[in-house]
Amino acid sequence: MPVCCFSRSKFEYPEYHTHKDNFNVVTQKGLEGSFKVMKKIIDAIELELYPKTTVLGEPNLGKRGLYSTLSQKGKNDTKRLRLNLIAQSDGMTNIIKITKLLKEPLDKLCNECSLLKLKKVLK
């Protein structure tokens, strides 16, 4: 049975899962950090791990309101990210691998995936 373990500091303190394990060691800040990481992972799973483009070739993102048809300084990064995400969304490559290929944070790609699904560019 496949299982996993999520731990930020399991091996860093000897009190782990003993009678000395208390909230003096486990802080609210640490719990909040773990929660944020787990939320990002769950968001990625809920998006479906294998995004797939609905169009052949490069979609017209301008007519879908996904980027301006006028050139603006600093706006090309979002356009490039969206086009790269679409290019990698073949239905066989999972979102985790895409984050590694594009060297972008998981939450950023999840947001883009959600937007592209809303605009029916991805399914």
N, C-alpha and C. Protein backbone atom coordinates (compact mmCIF):
# COMPACT_ATOMS: atom_id res chain seq x y z
N MET A 1 0.83 -1.16 0.00
CA MET A 1 0.00 0.00 0.00
C MET A 1 0.89 1.24 0.00
N PRO A 2 0.71 2.14 -0.98
CA PRO A 2 1.53 3.35 -1.02
C PRO A 2 1.14 4.31 0.10
N VAL A 3 2.12 4.80 0.81
CA VAL A 3 1.90 5.77 1.88
C VAL A 3 2.96 6.85 1.81
N CYS A 4 2.71 7.95 2.49
CA CYS A 4 3.72 8.99 2.55
C CYS A 4 3.71 9.61 3.94
N CYS A 5 4.73 10.36 4.21
CA CYS A 5 4.84 11.05 5.49
C CYS A 5 5.15 12.51 5.21
N PHE A 6 4.45 13.39 5.87
CA PHE A 6 4.73 14.81 5.76
C PHE A 6 5.22 15.30 7.10
N SER A 7 6.44 15.80 7.14
CA SER A 7 7.00 16.28 8.39
C SER A 7 7.98 17.40 8.11
N ARG A 8 7.87 18.46 8.85
CA ARG A 8 8.79 19.58 8.68
C ARG A 8 10.07 19.37 9.47
N SER A 9 9.97 18.73 10.63
CA SER A 9 11.15 18.63 11.48
C SER A 9 11.15 17.35 12.32
N LYS A 10 10.66 16.27 11.74
CA LYS A 10 10.54 15.01 12.47
C LYS A 10 11.85 14.58 13.12
N PHE A 11 12.94 14.78 12.44
CA PHE A 11 14.22 14.28 12.93
C PHE A 11 15.05 15.34 13.64
N GLU A 12 14.48 16.54 13.80
CA GLU A 12 15.24 17.63 14.40
C GLU A 12 15.04 17.75 15.90
N TYR A 13 14.02 17.15 16.44
CA TYR A 13 13.86 17.23 17.89
C TYR A 13 13.47 15.86 18.46
N PRO A 14 14.12 15.46 19.55
CA PRO A 14 13.92 14.13 20.11
C PRO A 14 12.56 13.94 20.79
N GLU A 15 11.82 15.04 21.02
CA GLU A 15 10.52 14.94 21.69
C GLU A 15 9.42 14.41 20.76
N TYR A 16 9.73 14.29 19.46
CA TYR A 16 8.72 13.92 18.47
C TYR A 16 7.98 12.64 18.87
N HIS A 17 6.66 12.75 19.01
CA HIS A 17 5.77 11.63 19.38
C HIS A 17 6.17 10.93 20.67
N THR A 18 6.58 11.73 21.64
CA THR A 18 6.82 11.20 22.99
C THR A 18 5.96 12.02 23.95
N HIS A 19 6.03 11.70 25.21
CA HIS A 19 5.26 12.46 26.20
C HIS A 19 5.76 13.90 26.35
N LYS A 20 6.94 14.20 25.82
CA LYS A 20 7.49 15.55 25.88
C LYS A 20 7.08 16.41 24.68
N ASP A 21 6.39 15.81 23.71
CA ASP A 21 5.93 16.52 22.51
C ASP A 21 4.76 17.43 22.90
N ASN A 22 4.99 18.76 22.87
CA ASN A 22 3.95 19.70 23.29
C ASN A 22 4.01 20.97 22.43
N PHE A 23 3.12 21.90 22.71
CA PHE A 23 3.05 23.12 21.92
C PHE A 23 4.12 24.15 22.29
N ASN A 24 5.03 23.82 23.16
CA ASN A 24 6.21 24.66 23.35
C ASN A 24 7.23 24.36 22.25
N VAL A 25 7.16 23.16 21.71
CA VAL A 25 8.04 22.75 20.62
C VAL A 25 7.36 23.01 19.28
N VAL A 26 6.10 22.62 19.18
CA VAL A 26 5.32 22.83 17.96
C VAL A 26 4.65 24.18 18.08
N THR A 27 5.02 25.11 17.22
CA THR A 27 4.50 26.48 17.32
C THR A 27 3.36 26.72 16.34
N GLN A 28 2.61 27.76 16.61
CA GLN A 28 1.52 28.14 15.70
C GLN A 28 2.09 28.52 14.34
N LYS A 29 3.21 29.20 14.33
CA LYS A 29 3.85 29.59 13.07
C LYS A 29 4.23 28.35 12.25
N GLY A 30 4.77 27.34 12.92
CA GLY A 30 5.13 26.09 12.25
C GLY A 30 3.92 25.37 11.71
N LEU A 31 2.84 25.32 12.50
CA LEU A 31 1.60 24.68 12.04
C LEU A 31 1.00 25.42 10.85
N GLU A 32 1.03 26.75 10.90
CA GLU A 32 0.50 27.54 9.79
C GLU A 32 1.32 27.32 8.51
N GLY A 33 2.62 27.22 8.67
CA GLY A 33 3.47 26.95 7.50
C GLY A 33 3.17 25.60 6.89
N SER A 34 2.99 24.59 7.74
CA SER A 34 2.64 23.26 7.25
C SER A 34 1.28 23.27 6.57
N PHE A 35 0.33 24.00 7.17
CA PHE A 35 -1.00 24.10 6.58
C PHE A 35 -0.93 24.70 5.18
N LYS A 36 -0.14 25.77 5.00
CA LYS A 36 -0.03 26.41 3.69
C LYS A 36 0.54 25.46 2.65
N VAL A 37 1.55 24.69 3.02
CA VAL A 37 2.14 23.72 2.09
C VAL A 37 1.12 22.64 1.72
N MET A 38 0.42 22.11 2.71
CA MET A 38 -0.57 21.06 2.45
C MET A 38 -1.72 21.59 1.61
N LYS A 39 -2.12 22.83 1.84
CA LYS A 39 -3.21 23.43 1.06
C LYS A 39 -2.81 23.53 -0.41
N LYS A 40 -1.57 23.93 -0.68
CA LYS A 40 -1.09 24.02 -2.06
C LYS A 40 -1.14 22.65 -2.73
N ILE A 41 -0.74 21.62 -2.00
CA ILE A 41 -0.75 20.26 -2.55
C ILE A 41 -2.17 19.81 -2.84
N ILE A 42 -3.07 20.06 -1.90
CA ILE A 42 -4.48 19.68 -2.09
C ILE A 42 -5.10 20.46 -3.25
N ASP A 43 -4.79 21.75 -3.36
CA ASP A 43 -5.29 22.54 -4.49
C ASP A 43 -4.83 21.95 -5.82
N ALA A 44 -3.58 21.51 -5.88
CA ALA A 44 -3.06 20.90 -7.11
C ALA A 44 -3.80 19.61 -7.43
N ILE A 45 -4.08 18.81 -6.43
CA ILE A 45 -4.79 17.55 -6.65
C ILE A 45 -6.22 17.82 -7.12
N GLU A 46 -6.88 18.82 -6.52
CA GLU A 46 -8.24 19.13 -6.91
C GLU A 46 -8.33 19.67 -8.33
N LEU A 47 -7.26 20.24 -8.82
CA LEU A 47 -7.25 20.76 -10.20
C LEU A 47 -7.16 19.63 -11.22
N GLU A 48 -6.97 18.45 -10.77
CA GLU A 48 -6.65 17.28 -11.57
C GLU A 48 -5.16 17.40 -11.89
N LEU A 49 -4.47 16.37 -11.67
CA LEU A 49 -3.01 16.42 -11.77
C LEU A 49 -2.48 16.45 -13.20
N TYR A 50 -3.33 16.12 -14.17
CA TYR A 50 -2.87 16.02 -15.55
C TYR A 50 -3.66 16.98 -16.45
N PRO A 51 -3.31 18.27 -16.47
CA PRO A 51 -4.06 19.21 -17.31
C PRO A 51 -3.87 18.89 -18.79
N LYS A 52 -4.93 19.16 -19.57
CA LYS A 52 -4.87 18.89 -21.00
C LYS A 52 -5.47 20.07 -21.75
N THR A 53 -4.78 20.49 -22.80
CA THR A 53 -5.27 21.60 -23.60
C THR A 53 -6.48 21.17 -24.42
N THR A 54 -7.37 22.11 -24.68
CA THR A 54 -8.58 21.81 -25.45
C THR A 54 -8.44 22.25 -26.90
N VAL A 55 -7.34 22.91 -27.23
CA VAL A 55 -7.16 23.42 -28.59
C VAL A 55 -5.86 22.87 -29.18
N LEU A 56 -5.85 22.73 -30.48
CA LEU A 56 -4.62 22.34 -31.16
C LEU A 56 -3.85 23.60 -31.52
N GLY A 57 -2.55 23.57 -31.37
CA GLY A 57 -1.73 24.73 -31.67
C GLY A 57 -1.81 25.78 -30.57
N GLU A 58 -1.40 26.98 -30.90
CA GLU A 58 -1.37 28.07 -29.92
C GLU A 58 -2.74 28.76 -29.89
N PRO A 59 -3.42 28.74 -28.75
CA PRO A 59 -4.73 29.38 -28.69
C PRO A 59 -4.62 30.90 -28.70
N ASN A 60 -5.66 31.56 -29.19
CA ASN A 60 -5.71 33.01 -29.17
C ASN A 60 -6.14 33.45 -27.78
N LEU A 61 -5.18 33.81 -26.94
CA LEU A 61 -5.48 34.20 -25.57
C LEU A 61 -6.07 35.60 -25.50
N GLY A 62 -5.80 36.44 -26.50
CA GLY A 62 -6.33 37.79 -26.52
C GLY A 62 -7.84 37.80 -26.59
N LYS A 63 -8.42 36.98 -27.44
CA LYS A 63 -9.89 36.98 -27.57
C LYS A 63 -10.57 36.38 -26.34
N ARG A 64 -9.81 35.66 -25.52
CA ARG A 64 -10.35 35.10 -24.29
C ARG A 64 -10.11 36.02 -23.08
N GLY A 65 -9.50 37.17 -23.34
CA GLY A 65 -9.23 38.13 -22.28
C GLY A 65 -8.09 37.71 -21.36
N LEU A 66 -7.20 36.84 -21.85
CA LEU A 66 -6.12 36.33 -21.02
C LEU A 66 -4.82 37.09 -21.18
N TYR A 67 -4.73 37.97 -22.15
CA TYR A 67 -3.64 38.94 -22.18
C TYR A 67 -4.00 40.06 -23.14
N SER A 68 -3.38 41.17 -22.91
CA SER A 68 -3.65 42.36 -23.69
C SER A 68 -3.10 42.20 -25.10
N THR A 69 -3.82 42.75 -26.05
CA THR A 69 -3.33 42.72 -27.44
C THR A 69 -2.31 43.84 -27.66
N LEU A 70 -2.18 44.75 -26.68
CA LEU A 70 -1.17 45.80 -26.74
C LEU A 70 0.04 45.36 -25.93
N SER A 71 1.22 45.69 -26.42
CA SER A 71 2.44 45.34 -25.71
C SER A 71 2.60 46.24 -24.50
N GLN A 72 2.86 45.63 -23.33
CA GLN A 72 3.07 46.39 -22.11
C GLN A 72 4.28 45.83 -21.38
N LYS A 73 5.11 46.72 -20.90
CA LYS A 73 6.32 46.31 -20.19
C LYS A 73 5.95 45.50 -18.94
N GLY A 74 6.58 44.33 -18.78
CA GLY A 74 6.36 43.50 -17.61
C GLY A 74 5.19 42.54 -17.73
N LYS A 75 4.40 42.64 -18.77
CA LYS A 75 3.22 41.76 -18.93
C LYS A 75 3.56 40.49 -19.71
N ASN A 76 4.72 40.45 -20.36
CA ASN A 76 5.09 39.27 -21.16
C ASN A 76 5.35 38.05 -20.31
N ASP A 77 5.72 38.25 -19.02
CA ASP A 77 6.00 37.10 -18.15
C ASP A 77 4.76 36.25 -17.96
N THR A 78 3.61 36.88 -17.75
CA THR A 78 2.36 36.14 -17.58
C THR A 78 1.98 35.45 -18.87
N LYS A 79 2.12 36.13 -19.98
CA LYS A 79 1.80 35.54 -21.29
C LYS A 79 2.69 34.31 -21.54
N ARG A 80 3.97 34.47 -21.28
CA ARG A 80 4.92 33.37 -21.50
C ARG A 80 4.60 32.19 -20.60
N LEU A 81 4.28 32.47 -19.33
CA LEU A 81 3.92 31.40 -18.40
C LEU A 81 2.68 30.65 -18.89
N ARG A 82 1.66 31.37 -19.31
CA ARG A 82 0.43 30.73 -19.80
C ARG A 82 0.70 29.88 -21.03
N LEU A 83 1.46 30.42 -21.97
CA LEU A 83 1.76 29.66 -23.19
C LEU A 83 2.60 28.42 -22.88
N ASN A 84 3.57 28.56 -21.96
CA ASN A 84 4.38 27.39 -21.58
C ASN A 84 3.54 26.35 -20.86
N LEU A 85 2.63 26.79 -20.00
CA LEU A 85 1.74 25.85 -19.31
C LEU A 85 0.86 25.12 -20.31
N ILE A 86 0.32 25.84 -21.27
CA ILE A 86 -0.52 25.21 -22.30
C ILE A 86 0.30 24.21 -23.10
N ALA A 87 1.53 24.58 -23.44
CA ALA A 87 2.39 23.69 -24.23
C ALA A 87 2.69 22.38 -23.49
N GLN A 88 2.80 22.44 -22.17
CA GLN A 88 3.10 21.24 -21.38
C GLN A 88 1.85 20.43 -21.01
N SER A 89 0.67 21.00 -21.23
CA SER A 89 -0.58 20.36 -20.80
C SER A 89 -1.07 19.38 -21.85
N ASP A 90 -0.45 18.22 -21.88
CA ASP A 90 -0.77 17.20 -22.87
C ASP A 90 -1.67 16.09 -22.32
N GLY A 91 -2.07 16.20 -21.06
CA GLY A 91 -2.91 15.18 -20.44
C GLY A 91 -2.11 14.01 -19.90
N MET A 92 -0.81 13.97 -20.14
CA MET A 92 0.03 12.87 -19.66
C MET A 92 1.10 13.36 -18.68
N THR A 93 1.34 14.67 -18.66
CA THR A 93 2.35 15.25 -17.76
C THR A 93 1.63 15.87 -16.57
N ASN A 94 2.01 15.45 -15.37
CA ASN A 94 1.29 15.97 -14.20
C ASN A 94 1.78 17.37 -13.82
N ILE A 95 0.96 18.05 -13.02
CA ILE A 95 1.22 19.44 -12.65
C ILE A 95 2.52 19.58 -11.85
N ILE A 96 2.88 18.56 -11.09
CA ILE A 96 4.13 18.62 -10.32
C ILE A 96 5.33 18.62 -11.28
N LYS A 97 5.29 17.77 -12.27
CA LYS A 97 6.39 17.73 -13.25
C LYS A 97 6.44 19.03 -14.05
N ILE A 98 5.27 19.59 -14.36
CA ILE A 98 5.23 20.86 -15.09
C ILE A 98 5.87 21.97 -14.27
N THR A 99 5.64 21.98 -12.95
CA THR A 99 6.27 23.01 -12.11
C THR A 99 7.79 22.90 -12.16
N LYS A 100 8.28 21.67 -12.21
CA LYS A 100 9.73 21.47 -12.29
C LYS A 100 10.27 21.88 -13.66
N LEU A 101 9.55 21.52 -14.72
CA LEU A 101 9.99 21.88 -16.07
C LEU A 101 10.01 23.39 -16.28
N LEU A 102 8.99 24.07 -15.78
CA LEU A 102 8.88 25.51 -15.99
C LEU A 102 9.58 26.32 -14.90
N LYS A 103 10.02 25.62 -13.84
CA LYS A 103 10.69 26.27 -12.70
C LYS A 103 9.83 27.40 -12.13
N GLU A 104 8.56 27.05 -11.88
CA GLU A 104 7.60 27.99 -11.32
C GLU A 104 6.98 27.37 -10.07
N PRO A 105 6.54 28.20 -9.11
CA PRO A 105 5.92 27.67 -7.90
C PRO A 105 4.59 26.97 -8.19
N LEU A 106 4.29 25.95 -7.43
CA LEU A 106 3.07 25.16 -7.61
C LEU A 106 1.83 26.02 -7.51
N ASP A 107 1.75 26.91 -6.51
CA ASP A 107 0.54 27.72 -6.35
C ASP A 107 0.32 28.67 -7.52
N LYS A 108 1.40 29.17 -8.09
CA LYS A 108 1.28 30.07 -9.25
C LYS A 108 0.72 29.32 -10.45
N LEU A 109 1.22 28.10 -10.70
CA LEU A 109 0.72 27.31 -11.81
C LEU A 109 -0.71 26.83 -11.55
N CYS A 110 -1.04 26.54 -10.32
CA CYS A 110 -2.42 26.15 -10.00
C CYS A 110 -3.39 27.28 -10.29
N ASN A 111 -2.99 28.51 -9.95
CA ASN A 111 -3.84 29.66 -10.25
C ASN A 111 -4.03 29.82 -11.76
N GLU A 112 -2.94 29.67 -12.50
CA GLU A 112 -3.03 29.78 -13.96
C GLU A 112 -3.88 28.66 -14.54
N CYS A 113 -3.72 27.45 -14.02
CA CYS A 113 -4.52 26.31 -14.46
C CYS A 113 -6.01 26.58 -14.25
N SER A 114 -6.35 27.08 -13.08
CA SER A 114 -7.75 27.39 -12.77
C SER A 114 -8.31 28.40 -13.75
N LEU A 115 -7.55 29.45 -14.02
CA LEU A 115 -7.99 30.48 -14.95
C LEU A 115 -8.16 29.91 -16.36
N LEU A 116 -7.19 29.12 -16.81
CA LEU A 116 -7.26 28.54 -18.15
C LEU A 116 -8.40 27.53 -18.26
N LYS A 117 -8.72 26.83 -17.18
CA LYS A 117 -9.87 25.93 -17.20
C LYS A 117 -11.17 26.72 -17.26
N LEU A 118 -11.23 27.81 -16.52
CA LEU A 118 -12.40 28.68 -16.54
C LEU A 118 -12.67 29.21 -17.95
N LYS A 119 -11.60 29.55 -18.67
CA LYS A 119 -11.70 30.08 -20.03
C LYS A 119 -11.77 28.96 -21.07
N LYS A 120 -11.83 27.71 -20.61
CA LYS A 120 -11.95 26.52 -21.45
C LYS A 120 -10.77 26.31 -22.41
N VAL A 121 -9.59 26.76 -21.99
CA VAL A 121 -8.37 26.49 -22.74
C VAL A 121 -7.78 25.15 -22.30
N LEU A 122 -7.96 24.83 -21.01
CA LEU A 122 -7.54 23.53 -20.44
C LEU A 122 -8.76 22.79 -19.93
N LYS A 123 -8.62 21.48 -19.87
CA LYS A 123 -9.66 20.67 -19.21
C LYS A 123 -9.02 19.75 -18.21
